[in-house]
Amino acid sequence: MNDSVYVGNAGADAALDRGWILGHFKEPGDPRHSEDVEIKWGVHPPGDKRLEWVEGEHRTALLVLISGRFRMEFRDRSVVLERQGEYVVWGHGVDHSWVAEEESIVMTVRWPSVPGYAVKLPTELPTEE
């Protein structure tokens, strides 16, 4: 076996890391570790939405609709993706958010891969005692 080759399933692997299958957050030495690019296989139930806006974006991103109906929100417009293969690209400085209007699967590619954009999930927030 070659340790520089990884074979997986996007759906199964994505479930282990909030949808992300490649990027800086994978362990160094793992073929899926990259500081150049991030890839996410996003599986979203109807009504799922980003918990907060991404502001001051320093990356470029491409989001491709695999299935469903998915809306990207930008400060000056909304983009609804509803046919397989439709995509949207945005770059540096573009604030954004999203909502799954139907059960949706999307693939997101972002570059470069940099820490600091993950939203804390309610289960990760400190509790008051």
N, C-alpha and C. Protein backbone atom coordinates (compact mmCIF):
# COMPACT_ATOMS: atom_id res chain seq x y z
N MET A 1 0.83 -1.19 0.00
CA MET A 1 0.00 0.00 0.00
C MET A 1 0.87 1.25 0.00
N ASN A 2 0.43 2.24 -0.74
CA ASN A 2 1.14 3.50 -0.83
C ASN A 2 0.45 4.50 0.10
N ASP A 3 1.17 5.06 1.08
CA ASP A 3 0.57 5.99 2.04
C ASP A 3 0.23 7.34 1.42
N SER A 4 0.62 7.58 0.16
CA SER A 4 0.28 8.84 -0.47
C SER A 4 -0.98 8.71 -1.34
N VAL A 5 -1.65 7.57 -1.24
CA VAL A 5 -2.91 7.35 -1.97
C VAL A 5 -4.00 7.05 -0.95
N TYR A 6 -5.12 7.73 -1.08
CA TYR A 6 -6.26 7.49 -0.21
C TYR A 6 -7.47 7.24 -1.09
N VAL A 7 -8.20 6.18 -0.81
CA VAL A 7 -9.43 5.87 -1.53
C VAL A 7 -10.56 5.90 -0.51
N GLY A 8 -11.60 6.65 -0.79
CA GLY A 8 -12.69 6.76 0.17
C GLY A 8 -14.01 7.00 -0.52
N ASN A 9 -15.00 7.31 0.29
CA ASN A 9 -16.34 7.64 -0.18
C ASN A 9 -16.68 9.01 0.39
N ALA A 10 -17.02 9.94 -0.48
CA ALA A 10 -17.27 11.31 -0.02
C ALA A 10 -18.36 11.36 1.04
N GLY A 11 -19.45 10.64 0.84
CA GLY A 11 -20.54 10.65 1.82
C GLY A 11 -20.11 10.11 3.17
N ALA A 12 -19.42 8.99 3.16
CA ALA A 12 -18.99 8.36 4.42
C ALA A 12 -17.90 9.19 5.11
N ASP A 13 -16.91 9.63 4.35
CA ASP A 13 -15.81 10.41 4.94
C ASP A 13 -16.28 11.77 5.42
N ALA A 14 -17.19 12.38 4.68
CA ALA A 14 -17.69 13.71 5.05
C ALA A 14 -18.41 13.69 6.39
N ALA A 15 -19.09 12.60 6.67
CA ALA A 15 -19.84 12.49 7.93
C ALA A 15 -18.91 12.53 9.15
N LEU A 16 -17.64 12.28 8.94
CA LEU A 16 -16.68 12.25 10.05
C LEU A 16 -16.10 13.62 10.41
N ASP A 17 -16.24 14.61 9.51
CA ASP A 17 -15.56 15.89 9.72
C ASP A 17 -16.38 17.06 9.18
N ARG A 18 -17.65 17.16 9.59
CA ARG A 18 -18.53 18.27 9.21
C ARG A 18 -18.59 18.46 7.70
N GLY A 19 -18.37 17.41 6.95
CA GLY A 19 -18.47 17.47 5.49
C GLY A 19 -17.14 17.63 4.78
N TRP A 20 -16.11 18.05 5.50
CA TRP A 20 -14.83 18.32 4.84
C TRP A 20 -14.06 17.04 4.60
N ILE A 21 -13.60 16.86 3.37
CA ILE A 21 -12.87 15.64 3.02
C ILE A 21 -11.41 15.91 2.65
N LEU A 22 -11.04 17.20 2.52
CA LEU A 22 -9.66 17.54 2.19
C LEU A 22 -9.38 18.96 2.65
N GLY A 23 -8.22 19.18 3.27
CA GLY A 23 -7.83 20.53 3.68
C GLY A 23 -6.82 20.54 4.81
N HIS A 24 -6.56 21.75 5.33
CA HIS A 24 -5.53 21.93 6.36
C HIS A 24 -5.86 21.17 7.65
N PHE A 25 -7.12 20.87 7.88
CA PHE A 25 -7.59 20.26 9.12
C PHE A 25 -7.34 18.76 9.19
N LYS A 26 -6.94 18.13 8.09
CA LYS A 26 -6.57 16.71 8.13
C LYS A 26 -5.14 16.61 8.67
N GLU A 27 -4.84 15.48 9.28
CA GLU A 27 -3.52 15.31 9.90
C GLU A 27 -2.40 15.38 8.86
N PRO A 28 -1.30 16.08 9.19
CA PRO A 28 -0.14 16.06 8.29
C PRO A 28 0.28 14.60 8.02
N GLY A 29 0.63 14.32 6.80
CA GLY A 29 0.97 12.95 6.41
C GLY A 29 -0.20 12.22 5.78
N ASP A 30 -1.42 12.65 6.06
CA ASP A 30 -2.61 12.10 5.43
C ASP A 30 -2.67 12.69 4.01
N PRO A 31 -2.88 11.88 2.98
CA PRO A 31 -2.95 12.42 1.62
C PRO A 31 -4.04 13.49 1.45
N ARG A 32 -4.99 13.55 2.38
CA ARG A 32 -6.07 14.54 2.31
C ARG A 32 -5.70 15.86 2.99
N HIS A 33 -4.51 15.94 3.58
CA HIS A 33 -4.04 17.18 4.19
C HIS A 33 -3.56 18.12 3.07
N SER A 34 -4.06 19.37 3.11
CA SER A 34 -3.63 20.36 2.12
C SER A 34 -3.77 21.75 2.70
N GLU A 35 -2.78 22.58 2.46
CA GLU A 35 -2.89 23.99 2.80
C GLU A 35 -3.21 24.81 1.57
N ASP A 36 -3.35 24.14 0.43
CA ASP A 36 -3.64 24.81 -0.83
C ASP A 36 -5.13 24.86 -1.14
N VAL A 37 -5.87 23.81 -0.75
CA VAL A 37 -7.27 23.70 -1.15
C VAL A 37 -8.06 22.93 -0.10
N GLU A 38 -9.36 23.20 -0.01
CA GLU A 38 -10.28 22.46 0.85
C GLU A 38 -11.42 21.95 -0.02
N ILE A 39 -11.91 20.76 0.27
CA ILE A 39 -13.06 20.21 -0.44
C ILE A 39 -14.06 19.68 0.57
N LYS A 40 -15.32 20.05 0.35
CA LYS A 40 -16.39 19.63 1.25
C LYS A 40 -17.49 18.94 0.45
N TRP A 41 -17.99 17.83 0.98
CA TRP A 41 -19.17 17.15 0.45
C TRP A 41 -20.27 17.47 1.44
N GLY A 42 -21.11 18.43 1.11
CA GLY A 42 -22.12 18.91 2.04
C GLY A 42 -23.47 18.24 1.80
N VAL A 43 -23.97 17.57 2.81
CA VAL A 43 -25.29 16.94 2.77
C VAL A 43 -26.18 17.72 3.74
N HIS A 44 -27.22 18.36 3.20
CA HIS A 44 -28.02 19.30 3.98
C HIS A 44 -29.50 18.95 3.94
N PRO A 45 -30.14 18.78 5.11
CA PRO A 45 -31.59 18.58 5.14
C PRO A 45 -32.31 19.88 4.77
N PRO A 46 -33.58 19.81 4.39
CA PRO A 46 -34.32 21.02 4.06
C PRO A 46 -34.29 22.01 5.23
N GLY A 47 -34.05 23.28 4.91
CA GLY A 47 -34.03 24.31 5.94
C GLY A 47 -32.70 24.49 6.64
N ASP A 48 -31.75 23.60 6.39
CA ASP A 48 -30.43 23.73 7.00
C ASP A 48 -29.82 25.05 6.51
N LYS A 49 -29.19 25.78 7.43
CA LYS A 49 -28.57 27.04 7.03
C LYS A 49 -27.30 27.28 7.84
N ARG A 50 -26.44 28.12 7.29
CA ARG A 50 -25.20 28.46 7.99
C ARG A 50 -25.58 29.25 9.23
N LEU A 51 -24.93 28.97 10.34
CA LEU A 51 -25.28 29.59 11.61
C LEU A 51 -24.93 31.08 11.67
N GLU A 52 -23.95 31.50 10.88
CA GLU A 52 -23.58 32.91 10.83
C GLU A 52 -22.93 33.22 9.49
N TRP A 53 -22.95 34.48 9.10
CA TRP A 53 -22.34 34.90 7.85
C TRP A 53 -20.82 34.77 7.91
N VAL A 54 -20.21 34.45 6.78
CA VAL A 54 -18.76 34.54 6.64
C VAL A 54 -18.49 35.97 6.21
N GLU A 55 -17.69 36.68 6.99
CA GLU A 55 -17.37 38.07 6.69
C GLU A 55 -15.87 38.21 6.52
N GLY A 56 -15.45 39.08 5.61
CA GLY A 56 -14.03 39.32 5.39
C GLY A 56 -13.34 38.10 4.78
N GLU A 57 -14.00 37.47 3.85
CA GLU A 57 -13.47 36.26 3.20
C GLU A 57 -12.09 36.51 2.58
N HIS A 58 -11.16 35.61 2.83
CA HIS A 58 -9.81 35.71 2.25
C HIS A 58 -9.52 34.56 1.29
N ARG A 59 -10.56 33.81 0.92
CA ARG A 59 -10.37 32.67 0.03
C ARG A 59 -11.26 32.84 -1.20
N THR A 60 -11.00 32.04 -2.20
CA THR A 60 -11.88 31.90 -3.35
C THR A 60 -12.62 30.59 -3.18
N ALA A 61 -13.87 30.54 -3.61
CA ALA A 61 -14.66 29.32 -3.42
C ALA A 61 -15.49 29.01 -4.66
N LEU A 62 -15.73 27.74 -4.85
CA LEU A 62 -16.60 27.21 -5.90
C LEU A 62 -17.56 26.26 -5.22
N LEU A 63 -18.86 26.44 -5.42
CA LEU A 63 -19.87 25.53 -4.87
C LEU A 63 -20.67 24.98 -6.04
N VAL A 64 -20.74 23.63 -6.14
CA VAL A 64 -21.44 22.95 -7.23
C VAL A 64 -22.61 22.17 -6.65
N LEU A 65 -23.80 22.33 -7.24
CA LEU A 65 -24.97 21.58 -6.81
C LEU A 65 -24.93 20.18 -7.39
N ILE A 66 -24.99 19.18 -6.51
CA ILE A 66 -25.07 17.78 -6.93
C ILE A 66 -26.54 17.38 -7.03
N SER A 67 -27.32 17.73 -6.00
CA SER A 67 -28.76 17.46 -6.01
C SER A 67 -29.47 18.41 -5.07
N GLY A 68 -30.77 18.60 -5.29
CA GLY A 68 -31.58 19.43 -4.41
C GLY A 68 -31.77 20.84 -4.94
N ARG A 69 -32.00 21.76 -4.01
CA ARG A 69 -32.18 23.19 -4.30
C ARG A 69 -31.49 23.93 -3.16
N PHE A 70 -30.49 24.74 -3.51
CA PHE A 70 -29.60 25.34 -2.54
C PHE A 70 -29.45 26.82 -2.86
N ARG A 71 -29.60 27.67 -1.85
CA ARG A 71 -29.50 29.12 -2.06
C ARG A 71 -28.25 29.68 -1.39
N MET A 72 -27.44 30.35 -2.16
CA MET A 72 -26.30 31.09 -1.64
C MET A 72 -26.73 32.54 -1.45
N GLU A 73 -26.42 33.09 -0.29
CA GLU A 73 -26.75 34.47 0.02
C GLU A 73 -25.48 35.30 0.01
N PHE A 74 -25.52 36.40 -0.73
CA PHE A 74 -24.45 37.38 -0.74
C PHE A 74 -25.07 38.71 -0.32
N ARG A 75 -24.29 39.65 0.12
CA ARG A 75 -24.84 40.91 0.64
C ARG A 75 -25.73 41.61 -0.40
N ASP A 76 -25.39 41.48 -1.67
CA ASP A 76 -26.14 42.22 -2.69
C ASP A 76 -27.05 41.36 -3.55
N ARG A 77 -27.09 40.03 -3.29
CA ARG A 77 -27.95 39.17 -4.11
C ARG A 77 -28.03 37.77 -3.54
N SER A 78 -29.04 37.02 -4.01
CA SER A 78 -29.18 35.60 -3.71
C SER A 78 -29.02 34.84 -5.01
N VAL A 79 -28.43 33.66 -4.93
CA VAL A 79 -28.29 32.79 -6.09
C VAL A 79 -28.89 31.44 -5.71
N VAL A 80 -29.89 31.00 -6.48
CA VAL A 80 -30.52 29.72 -6.23
C VAL A 80 -30.01 28.72 -7.25
N LEU A 81 -29.46 27.62 -6.75
CA LEU A 81 -28.99 26.53 -7.60
C LEU A 81 -30.04 25.44 -7.54
N GLU A 82 -30.57 25.03 -8.69
CA GLU A 82 -31.65 24.05 -8.68
C GLU A 82 -31.50 22.94 -9.71
N ARG A 83 -30.52 23.04 -10.61
CA ARG A 83 -30.27 21.97 -11.57
C ARG A 83 -28.88 21.41 -11.34
N GLN A 84 -28.78 20.10 -11.34
CA GLN A 84 -27.50 19.45 -11.11
C GLN A 84 -26.42 20.08 -11.99
N GLY A 85 -25.29 20.37 -11.36
CA GLY A 85 -24.17 20.95 -12.09
C GLY A 85 -24.11 22.47 -12.05
N GLU A 86 -25.19 23.13 -11.65
CA GLU A 86 -25.12 24.58 -11.53
C GLU A 86 -24.12 24.92 -10.43
N TYR A 87 -23.42 26.03 -10.61
CA TYR A 87 -22.41 26.39 -9.62
C TYR A 87 -22.29 27.89 -9.49
N VAL A 88 -21.64 28.30 -8.41
CA VAL A 88 -21.36 29.70 -8.15
C VAL A 88 -19.92 29.79 -7.63
N VAL A 89 -19.24 30.86 -8.04
CA VAL A 89 -17.86 31.12 -7.61
C VAL A 89 -17.82 32.50 -6.98
N TRP A 90 -17.11 32.64 -5.86
CA TRP A 90 -16.93 33.96 -5.26
C TRP A 90 -15.52 34.05 -4.71
N GLY A 91 -15.07 35.27 -4.49
CA GLY A 91 -13.68 35.45 -4.11
C GLY A 91 -13.48 36.30 -2.88
N HIS A 92 -12.29 36.82 -2.77
CA HIS A 92 -11.85 37.58 -1.61
C HIS A 92 -12.81 38.72 -1.32
N GLY A 93 -13.12 38.91 -0.04
CA GLY A 93 -13.93 40.02 0.39
C GLY A 93 -15.43 39.84 0.20
N VAL A 94 -15.89 38.69 -0.28
CA VAL A 94 -17.31 38.48 -0.53
C VAL A 94 -17.95 37.78 0.68
N ASP A 95 -18.74 38.54 1.43
CA ASP A 95 -19.47 37.97 2.57
C ASP A 95 -20.55 37.04 2.03
N HIS A 96 -20.79 35.94 2.75
CA HIS A 96 -21.79 35.00 2.25
C HIS A 96 -22.38 34.13 3.35
N SER A 97 -23.51 33.54 3.02
CA SER A 97 -24.18 32.56 3.85
C SER A 97 -24.94 31.64 2.91
N TRP A 98 -25.68 30.66 3.44
CA TRP A 98 -26.41 29.73 2.58
C TRP A 98 -27.58 29.10 3.33
N VAL A 99 -28.50 28.54 2.55
CA VAL A 99 -29.62 27.77 3.10
C VAL A 99 -30.02 26.70 2.09
N ALA A 100 -30.31 25.51 2.60
CA ALA A 100 -30.80 24.41 1.76
C ALA A 100 -32.31 24.54 1.67
N GLU A 101 -32.84 24.89 0.50
CA GLU A 101 -34.28 25.04 0.34
C GLU A 101 -34.97 23.68 0.25
N GLU A 102 -34.24 22.68 -0.19
CA GLU A 102 -34.68 21.27 -0.22
C GLU A 102 -33.50 20.45 0.29
N GLU A 103 -33.73 19.16 0.52
CA GLU A 103 -32.60 18.29 0.82
C GLU A 103 -31.60 18.45 -0.32
N SER A 104 -30.35 18.75 0.03
CA SER A 104 -29.36 19.09 -0.99
C SER A 104 -28.02 18.44 -0.70
N ILE A 105 -27.31 18.17 -1.78
CA ILE A 105 -25.91 17.77 -1.71
C ILE A 105 -25.14 18.76 -2.57
N VAL A 106 -24.11 19.35 -1.99
CA VAL A 106 -23.26 20.29 -2.71
C VAL A 106 -21.80 19.93 -2.48
N MET A 107 -20.97 20.24 -3.46
CA MET A 107 -19.53 20.09 -3.29
C MET A 107 -18.94 21.49 -3.31
N THR A 108 -18.15 21.79 -2.27
CA THR A 108 -17.50 23.09 -2.17
C THR A 108 -16.00 22.90 -2.26
N VAL A 109 -15.35 23.73 -3.06
CA VAL A 109 -13.90 23.76 -3.18
C VAL A 109 -13.47 25.17 -2.81
N ARG A 110 -12.56 25.29 -1.82
CA ARG A 110 -12.06 26.60 -1.40
C ARG A 110 -10.54 26.60 -1.44
N TRP A 111 -9.99 27.75 -1.77
CA TRP A 111 -8.54 27.87 -1.77
C TRP A 111 -8.14 29.28 -1.40
N PRO A 112 -7.03 29.44 -0.65
CA PRO A 112 -6.25 28.39 0.01
C PRO A 112 -7.00 27.83 1.22
N SER A 113 -6.42 26.79 1.80
CA SER A 113 -6.99 26.16 2.99
C SER A 113 -6.38 26.82 4.23
N VAL A 114 -7.17 27.62 4.92
CA VAL A 114 -6.66 28.34 6.09
C VAL A 114 -7.62 28.17 7.26
N PRO A 115 -7.09 28.07 8.47
CA PRO A 115 -7.96 27.97 9.65
C PRO A 115 -8.65 29.29 9.95
N GLY A 116 -9.68 29.20 10.79
CA GLY A 116 -10.30 30.40 11.30
C GLY A 116 -11.71 30.67 10.83
N TYR A 117 -12.29 29.80 10.02
CA TYR A 117 -13.62 30.07 9.48
C TYR A 117 -14.70 29.15 10.04
N ALA A 118 -14.34 28.14 10.79
CA ALA A 118 -15.34 27.19 11.30
C ALA A 118 -16.24 27.87 12.31
N VAL A 119 -17.52 27.60 12.18
CA VAL A 119 -18.50 28.09 13.14
C VAL A 119 -18.58 27.09 14.27
N LYS A 120 -18.55 27.58 15.51
CA LYS A 120 -18.72 26.69 16.66
C LYS A 120 -20.14 26.16 16.67
N LEU A 121 -20.27 24.85 16.74
CA LEU A 121 -21.59 24.24 16.83
C LEU A 121 -22.12 24.42 18.24
N PRO A 122 -23.45 24.45 18.42
CA PRO A 122 -24.00 24.63 19.77
C PRO A 122 -23.45 23.62 20.79
N THR A 123 -23.12 22.42 20.35
CA THR A 123 -22.55 21.41 21.27
C THR A 123 -21.11 21.72 21.63
N GLU A 124 -20.46 22.64 20.89
CA GLU A 124 -19.07 22.98 21.17
C GLU A 124 -18.93 24.24 22.02
N LEU A 125 -20.03 24.94 22.22
CA LEU A 125 -19.98 26.17 23.00
C LEU A 125 -19.87 25.85 24.49
N PRO A 126 -19.14 26.67 25.23
CA PRO A 126 -19.03 26.42 26.68
C PRO A 126 -20.40 26.60 27.33
N THR A 127 -20.66 25.82 28.33
CA THR A 127 -21.93 25.93 29.05
C THR A 127 -21.72 26.73 30.31
N GLU A 128 -22.75 27.46 30.72
CA GLU A 128 -22.67 28.24 31.96
C GLU A 128 -23.01 27.31 33.11
N GLU A 129 -22.27 27.43 34.18
CA GLU A 129 -22.53 26.57 35.35
C GLU A 129 -23.23 27.34 36.43
